[in-house]
Amino acid sequence: MQNKSNNSAIHKLHTPISDEAILSLKTGDMVSLSGIIYTARDAAHARLVEMASRGEAMPFEFKGQAVFYAGPAPAKPGKQIGSVGPTTGGRMDTYSPYLIERGLKIMIGKGGRSVDVVDAIKQHGGIYFAATGGIAALMARCVESSEVIAFDELGPEAIRKLRVVELPVIVAIDHQGNNIYETGPKEYLEQ
């Protein structure tokens, strides 16, 4: 179920996200994301690449799903999750093109990405959302449930299945390779 709110400034999307919805988004668009997303950081990405290279099944289906570069803090009593903020997307740049080629299209992190990742996003119709760093406690409020589904021994870097409601993100790199980390500073300097 994808729909844009009546407020054209915010796109309300629900996972799994269709290719059509991905193609409709442009750099700088604000998105409210709900549904299932998966956390995975460096160590989990290395293992996913190892598994894929051996032809093993992934712990979750990539199609239409989002991977959030986050390692949540432990939950306090009565809470689903501790603080859950984005880590730097560039830390996954070694692994991302390989996973994008195998169907991963939606990533959430902070900071810029390498040329190889941007090229893979363009070639395979993907998208990179930026989540604002420093608001991990607020983002945790968007999490309705959290479950470790793979690599439990990695602790905070285990893959978690999160059910989120209205997680705020911004389109940082769209399917055409337009990159807010390049265009944003240029637009600022032109003012």
C-alpha atoms as a PDB file:
ATOM      1  CA  MET A   1       0.000   0.000   0.000  1.00  0.00           C
ATOM      2  CA  GLN A   2       1.686   3.167  -1.167  1.00  0.00           C
ATOM      3  CA  ASN A   3       0.022   6.498  -1.019  1.00  0.00           C
ATOM      4  CA  LYS A   4       1.015  10.098  -0.922  1.00  0.00           C
ATOM      5  CA  SER A   5      -0.615  12.197   1.710  1.00  0.00           C
ATOM      6  CA  ASN A   6      -2.739  15.173   0.750  1.00  0.00           C
ATOM      7  CA  ASN A   7       0.190  17.266   1.959  1.00  0.00           C
ATOM      8  CA  SER A   8       2.422  17.087  -1.116  1.00  0.00           C
ATOM      9  CA  ALA A   9       5.486  17.814   1.049  1.00  0.00           C
ATOM     10  CA  ILE A  10       5.425  14.378   2.722  1.00  0.00           C
ATOM     11  CA  HIS A  11       5.115  11.020   0.961  1.00  0.00           C
ATOM     12  CA  LYS A  12       3.542   8.359   3.165  1.00  0.00           C
ATOM     13  CA  LEU A  13       4.912   4.957   2.181  1.00  0.00           C
ATOM     14  CA  HIS A  14       4.319   1.489   3.556  1.00  0.00           C
ATOM     15  CA  THR A  15       6.666  -1.452   3.054  1.00  0.00           C
ATOM     16  CA  PRO A  16       7.077  -3.365   0.896  1.00  0.00           C
ATOM     17  CA  ILE A  17       7.643  -0.373  -1.366  1.00  0.00           C
ATOM     18  CA  SER A  18       6.871  -0.896  -5.044  1.00  0.00           C
ATOM     19  CA  ASP A  19       9.290  -0.038  -7.831  1.00  0.00           C
ATOM     20  CA  GLU A  20       6.711   2.477  -9.055  1.00  0.00           C
ATOM     21  CA  ALA A  21       6.805   4.296  -5.697  1.00  0.00           C
ATOM     22  CA  ILE A  22      10.622   4.316  -5.706  1.00  0.00           C
ATOM     23  CA  LEU A  23      10.636   5.814  -9.192  1.00  0.00           C
ATOM     24  CA  SER A  24       8.193   8.544  -8.108  1.00  0.00           C
ATOM     25  CA  LEU A  25      10.519   9.883  -5.393  1.00  0.00           C
ATOM     26  CA  LYS A  26      12.993  12.683  -5.988  1.00  0.00           C
ATOM     27  CA  THR A  27      15.988  13.872  -4.019  1.00  0.00           C
ATOM     28  CA  GLY A  28      14.875  16.086  -1.142  1.00  0.00           C
ATOM     29  CA  ASP A  29      11.403  14.511  -0.822  1.00  0.00           C
ATOM     30  CA  MET A  30      10.324  13.946   2.754  1.00  0.00           C
ATOM     31  CA  VAL A  31       8.956  10.488   3.484  1.00  0.00           C
ATOM     32  CA  SER A  32       7.033   8.976   6.363  1.00  0.00           C
ATOM     33  CA  LEU A  33       7.829   5.263   6.312  1.00  0.00           C
ATOM     34  CA  SER A  34       5.665   2.597   7.959  1.00  0.00           C
ATOM     35  CA  GLY A  35       5.735  -1.188   7.944  1.00  0.00           C
ATOM     36  CA  ILE A  36       8.577  -3.669   8.268  1.00  0.00           C
ATOM     37  CA  ILE A  37      12.203  -2.567   7.907  1.00  0.00           C
ATOM     38  CA  TYR A  38      15.392  -4.435   8.786  1.00  0.00           C
ATOM     39  CA  THR A  39      18.464  -3.215  10.656  1.00  0.00           C
ATOM     40  CA  ALA A  40      21.902  -4.247   9.415  1.00  0.00           C
ATOM     41  CA  ARG A  41      25.329  -2.710   9.900  1.00  0.00           C
ATOM     42  CA  ASP A  42      28.872  -3.536   8.801  1.00  0.00           C
ATOM     43  CA  ALA A  43      29.271  -7.023  10.302  1.00  0.00           C
ATOM     44  CA  ALA A  44      25.823  -8.124   9.152  1.00  0.00           C
ATOM     45  CA  HIS A  45      26.502  -6.792   5.641  1.00  0.00           C
ATOM     46  CA  ALA A  46      29.742  -8.771   5.454  1.00  0.00           C
ATOM     47  CA  ARG A  47      27.842 -11.918   6.396  1.00  0.00           C
ATOM     48  CA  LEU A  48      25.063 -11.223   3.891  1.00  0.00           C
ATOM     49  CA  VAL A  49      27.636 -10.907   1.109  1.00  0.00           C
ATOM     50  CA  GLU A  50      29.299 -14.152   2.224  1.00  0.00           C
ATOM     51  CA  MET A  51      25.927 -15.927   2.238  1.00  0.00           C
ATOM     52  CA  ALA A  52      24.953 -14.562  -1.179  1.00  0.00           C
ATOM     53  CA  SER A  53      28.309 -15.520  -2.685  1.00  0.00           C
ATOM     54  CA  ARG A  54      27.713 -19.116  -1.504  1.00  0.00           C
ATOM     55  CA  GLY A  55      24.199 -19.063  -2.991  1.00  0.00           C
ATOM     56  CA  GLU A  56      22.498 -19.225   0.413  1.00  0.00           C
ATOM     57  CA  ALA A  57      19.084 -17.708   1.064  1.00  0.00           C
ATOM     58  CA  MET A  58      19.035 -14.293   2.701  1.00  0.00           C
ATOM     59  CA  PRO A  59      17.471 -13.953   6.174  1.00  0.00           C
ATOM     60  CA  PHE A  60      14.747 -11.781   4.618  1.00  0.00           C
ATOM     61  CA  GLU A  61      13.431 -11.061   1.129  1.00  0.00           C
ATOM     62  CA  PHE A  62      15.042  -7.899  -0.274  1.00  0.00           C
ATOM     63  CA  LYS A  63      12.239  -7.036  -2.709  1.00  0.00           C
ATOM     64  CA  GLY A  64      10.504  -3.844  -1.594  1.00  0.00           C
ATOM     65  CA  GLN A  65      12.101  -3.932   1.849  1.00  0.00           C
ATOM     66  CA  ALA A  66      14.299  -1.320   3.497  1.00  0.00           C
ATOM     67  CA  VAL A  67      17.587  -1.894   5.297  1.00  0.00           C
ATOM     68  CA  PHE A  68      18.237   0.619   8.072  1.00  0.00           C
ATOM     69  CA  TYR A  69      21.905   1.078   8.922  1.00  0.00           C
ATOM     70  CA  ALA A  70      21.401   1.024  12.670  1.00  0.00           C
ATOM     71  CA  GLY A  71      22.526  -0.881  15.739  1.00  0.00           C
ATOM     72  CA  PRO A  72      19.799  -0.292  18.303  1.00  0.00           C
ATOM     73  CA  ALA A  73      20.645   0.198  21.962  1.00  0.00           C
ATOM     74  CA  PRO A  74      19.177  -2.344  24.402  1.00  0.00           C
ATOM     75  CA  ALA A  75      15.540  -1.756  25.294  1.00  0.00           C
ATOM     76  CA  LYS A  76      14.646  -0.384  28.712  1.00  0.00           C
ATOM     77  CA  PRO A  77      12.057  -2.369  30.664  1.00  0.00           C
ATOM     78  CA  GLY A  78       8.642  -2.066  29.014  1.00  0.00           C
ATOM     79  CA  LYS A  79      10.061  -0.691  25.744  1.00  0.00           C
ATOM     80  CA  GLN A  80      10.380  -2.381  22.340  1.00  0.00           C
ATOM     81  CA  ILE A  81      13.819  -0.981  21.607  1.00  0.00           C
ATOM     82  CA  GLY A  82      16.423   1.455  22.875  1.00  0.00           C
ATOM     83  CA  SER A  83      17.676   4.422  20.901  1.00  0.00           C
ATOM     84  CA  VAL A  84      17.893   3.584  17.200  1.00  0.00           C
ATOM     85  CA  GLY A  85      19.662   6.114  15.050  1.00  0.00           C
ATOM     86  CA  PRO A  86      21.351   5.828  11.679  1.00  0.00           C
ATOM     87  CA  THR A  87      24.995   4.998  11.195  1.00  0.00           C
ATOM     88  CA  THR A  88      27.064   6.327   8.305  1.00  0.00           C
ATOM     89  CA  GLY A  89      26.011   4.719   5.025  1.00  0.00           C
ATOM     90  CA  GLY A  90      29.557   4.878   3.673  1.00  0.00           C
ATOM     91  CA  ARG A  91      30.498   2.110   6.089  1.00  0.00           C
ATOM     92  CA  MET A  92      28.401  -0.258   3.947  1.00  0.00           C
ATOM     93  CA  ASP A  93      29.775   0.948   0.594  1.00  0.00           C
ATOM     94  CA  THR A  94      32.043  -2.097   0.204  1.00  0.00           C
ATOM     95  CA  TYR A  95      29.022  -4.420   0.377  1.00  0.00           C
ATOM     96  CA  SER A  96      26.115  -2.403  -0.995  1.00  0.00           C
ATOM     97  CA  PRO A  97      26.705  -2.706  -4.774  1.00  0.00           C
ATOM     98  CA  TYR A  98      26.840  -6.514  -4.477  1.00  0.00           C
ATOM     99  CA  LEU A  99      23.598  -6.604  -2.472  1.00  0.00           C
ATOM    100  CA  ILE A 100      21.895  -4.057  -4.748  1.00  0.00           C
ATOM    101  CA  GLU A 101      22.692  -6.290  -7.726  1.00  0.00           C
ATOM    102  CA  ARG A 102      20.887  -9.082  -5.857  1.00  0.00           C
ATOM    103  CA  GLY A 103      17.708  -7.103  -5.273  1.00  0.00           C
ATOM    104  CA  LEU A 104      18.279  -4.704  -2.378  1.00  0.00           C
ATOM    105  CA  LYS A 105      16.906  -1.320  -3.460  1.00  0.00           C
ATOM    106  CA  ILE A 106      16.060   0.628  -0.318  1.00  0.00           C
ATOM    107  CA  MET A 107      18.667   1.750   2.204  1.00  0.00           C
ATOM    108  CA  ILE A 108      18.443   4.133   5.170  1.00  0.00           C
ATOM    109  CA  GLY A 109      21.485   5.755   6.758  1.00  0.00           C
ATOM    110  CA  LYS A 110      23.257   9.067   7.076  1.00  0.00           C
ATOM    111  CA  GLY A 111      25.977  10.700   5.045  1.00  0.00           C
ATOM    112  CA  GLY A 112      27.108  10.359   1.456  1.00  0.00           C
ATOM    113  CA  ARG A 113      27.711   7.211  -0.578  1.00  0.00           C
ATOM    114  CA  SER A 114      30.471   6.143  -2.951  1.00  0.00           C
ATOM    115  CA  VAL A 115      30.300   6.468  -6.734  1.00  0.00           C
ATOM    116  CA  ASP A 116      29.957   2.669  -6.971  1.00  0.00           C
ATOM    117  CA  VAL A 117      26.873   2.701  -4.738  1.00  0.00           C
ATOM    118  CA  VAL A 118      25.298   5.607  -6.625  1.00  0.00           C
ATOM    119  CA  ASP A 119      25.953   3.813  -9.920  1.00  0.00           C
ATOM    120  CA  ALA A 120      24.325   0.627  -8.563  1.00  0.00           C
ATOM    121  CA  ILE A 121      21.314   2.639  -7.351  1.00  0.00           C
ATOM    122  CA  LYS A 122      20.928   4.148 -10.840  1.00  0.00           C
ATOM    123  CA  GLN A 123      21.406   0.844 -12.640  1.00  0.00           C
ATOM    124  CA  HIS A 124      18.941  -1.107 -10.478  1.00  0.00           C
ATOM    125  CA  GLY A 125      16.370   1.597  -9.650  1.00  0.00           C
ATOM    126  CA  GLY A 126      17.132   1.929  -5.963  1.00  0.00           C
ATOM    127  CA  ILE A 127      16.939   4.699  -3.409  1.00  0.00           C
ATOM    128  CA  TYR A 128      18.918   5.907  -0.400  1.00  0.00           C
ATOM    129  CA  PHE A 129      17.017   7.583   2.405  1.00  0.00           C
ATOM    130  CA  ALA A 130      18.776   9.776   4.958  1.00  0.00           C
ATOM    131  CA  ALA A 131      17.675   9.595   8.559  1.00  0.00           C
ATOM    132  CA  THR A 132      18.700  12.504  10.715  1.00  0.00           C
ATOM    133  CA  GLY A 133      21.563  11.685  13.033  1.00  0.00           C
ATOM    134  CA  GLY A 134      21.161  12.688  16.666  1.00  0.00           C
ATOM    135  CA  ILE A 135      17.458  11.863  16.975  1.00  0.00           C
ATOM    136  CA  ALA A 136      17.826   8.196  17.880  1.00  0.00           C
ATOM    137  CA  ALA A 137      15.524   8.459  20.913  1.00  0.00           C
ATOM    138  CA  LEU A 138      12.801  10.061  18.784  1.00  0.00           C
ATOM    139  CA  MET A 139      13.221   7.419  16.084  1.00  0.00           C
ATOM    140  CA  ALA A 140      12.819   4.688  18.707  1.00  0.00           C
ATOM    141  CA  ARG A 141       9.310   6.025  19.347  1.00  0.00           C
ATOM    142  CA  CYS A 142       8.447   5.036  15.764  1.00  0.00           C
ATOM    143  CA  VAL A 143       9.237   1.359  16.493  1.00  0.00           C
ATOM    144  CA  GLU A 144       6.229  -0.793  17.414  1.00  0.00           C
ATOM    145  CA  SER A 145       8.104  -4.098  17.561  1.00  0.00           C
ATOM    146  CA  SER A 146      11.643  -5.454  17.289  1.00  0.00           C
ATOM    147  CA  GLU A 147      12.816  -9.025  16.729  1.00  0.00           C
ATOM    148  CA  VAL A 148      16.300 -10.397  16.041  1.00  0.00           C
ATOM    149  CA  ILE A 149      16.053 -12.579  12.917  1.00  0.00           C
ATOM    150  CA  ALA A 150      19.727 -13.294  12.128  1.00  0.00           C
ATOM    151  CA  PHE A 151      23.220 -13.148  13.609  1.00  0.00           C
ATOM    152  CA  ASP A 152      22.133 -12.776  17.244  1.00  0.00           C
ATOM    153  CA  GLU A 153      25.761 -13.239  18.302  1.00  0.00           C
ATOM    154  CA  LEU A 154      26.561  -9.849  16.745  1.00  0.00           C
ATOM    155  CA  GLY A 155      24.672  -8.057  19.524  1.00  0.00           C
ATOM    156  CA  PRO A 156      23.685  -4.555  18.351  1.00  0.00           C
ATOM    157  CA  GLU A 157      24.791  -5.465  14.803  1.00  0.00           C
ATOM    158  CA  ALA A 158      22.397  -8.416  14.548  1.00  0.00           C
ATOM    159  CA  ILE A 159      19.723  -8.168  11.883  1.00  0.00           C
ATOM    160  CA  ARG A 160      16.466  -7.033  13.437  1.00  0.00           C
ATOM    161  CA  LYS A 161      13.015  -6.949  11.952  1.00  0.00           C
ATOM    162  CA  LEU A 162      11.371  -3.699  13.037  1.00  0.00           C
ATOM    163  CA  ARG A 163       7.761  -2.684  12.602  1.00  0.00           C
ATOM    164  CA  VAL A 164       7.796   1.094  12.324  1.00  0.00           C
ATOM    165  CA  VAL A 165       5.118   3.749  12.129  1.00  0.00           C
ATOM    166  CA  GLU A 166       5.855   7.038  10.397  1.00  0.00           C
ATOM    167  CA  LEU A 167       9.645   6.847  10.537  1.00  0.00           C
ATOM    168  CA  PRO A 168      10.828  10.226   9.159  1.00  0.00           C
ATOM    169  CA  VAL A 169      13.383  10.024   6.326  1.00  0.00           C
ATOM    170  CA  ILE A 170      14.475  12.166   3.373  1.00  0.00           C
ATOM    171  CA  VAL A 171      15.364  11.019  -0.131  1.00  0.00           C
ATOM    172  CA  ALA A 172      19.126  11.583  -0.210  1.00  0.00           C
ATOM    173  CA  ILE A 173      19.875   9.749  -3.489  1.00  0.00           C
ATOM    174  CA  ASP A 174      17.070   9.009  -5.914  1.00  0.00           C
ATOM    175  CA  HIS A 175      16.869   6.327  -8.605  1.00  0.00           C
ATOM    176  CA  GLN A 176      18.484   8.693 -11.148  1.00  0.00           C
ATOM    177  CA  GLY A 177      21.527   9.220  -8.946  1.00  0.00           C
ATOM    178  CA  ASN A 178      20.597  12.763  -7.938  1.00  0.00           C
ATOM    179  CA  ASN A 179      22.442  13.251  -4.678  1.00  0.00           C
ATOM    180  CA  ILE A 180      21.433  15.723  -1.977  1.00  0.00           C
ATOM    181  CA  TYR A 181      24.971  15.610  -0.573  1.00  0.00           C
ATOM    182  CA  GLU A 182      26.156  17.168  -3.849  1.00  0.00           C
ATOM    183  CA  THR A 183      23.205  19.367  -4.827  1.00  0.00           C
ATOM    184  CA  GLY A 184      22.442  20.686  -1.327  1.00  0.00           C
ATOM    185  CA  PRO A 185      25.741  22.522  -0.791  1.00  0.00           C
ATOM    186  CA  LYS A 186      25.612  23.929  -4.351  1.00  0.00           C
ATOM    187  CA  GLU A 187      22.097  25.287  -3.830  1.00  0.00           C
ATOM    188  CA  TYR A 188      23.126  26.798  -0.506  1.00  0.00           C
ATOM    189  CA  LEU A 189      26.119  28.576  -2.038  1.00  0.00           C
ATOM    190  CA  GLU A 190      23.956  29.972  -4.844  1.00  0.00           C
ATOM    191  CA  GLN A 191      21.621  31.748  -2.402  1.00  0.00           C
END
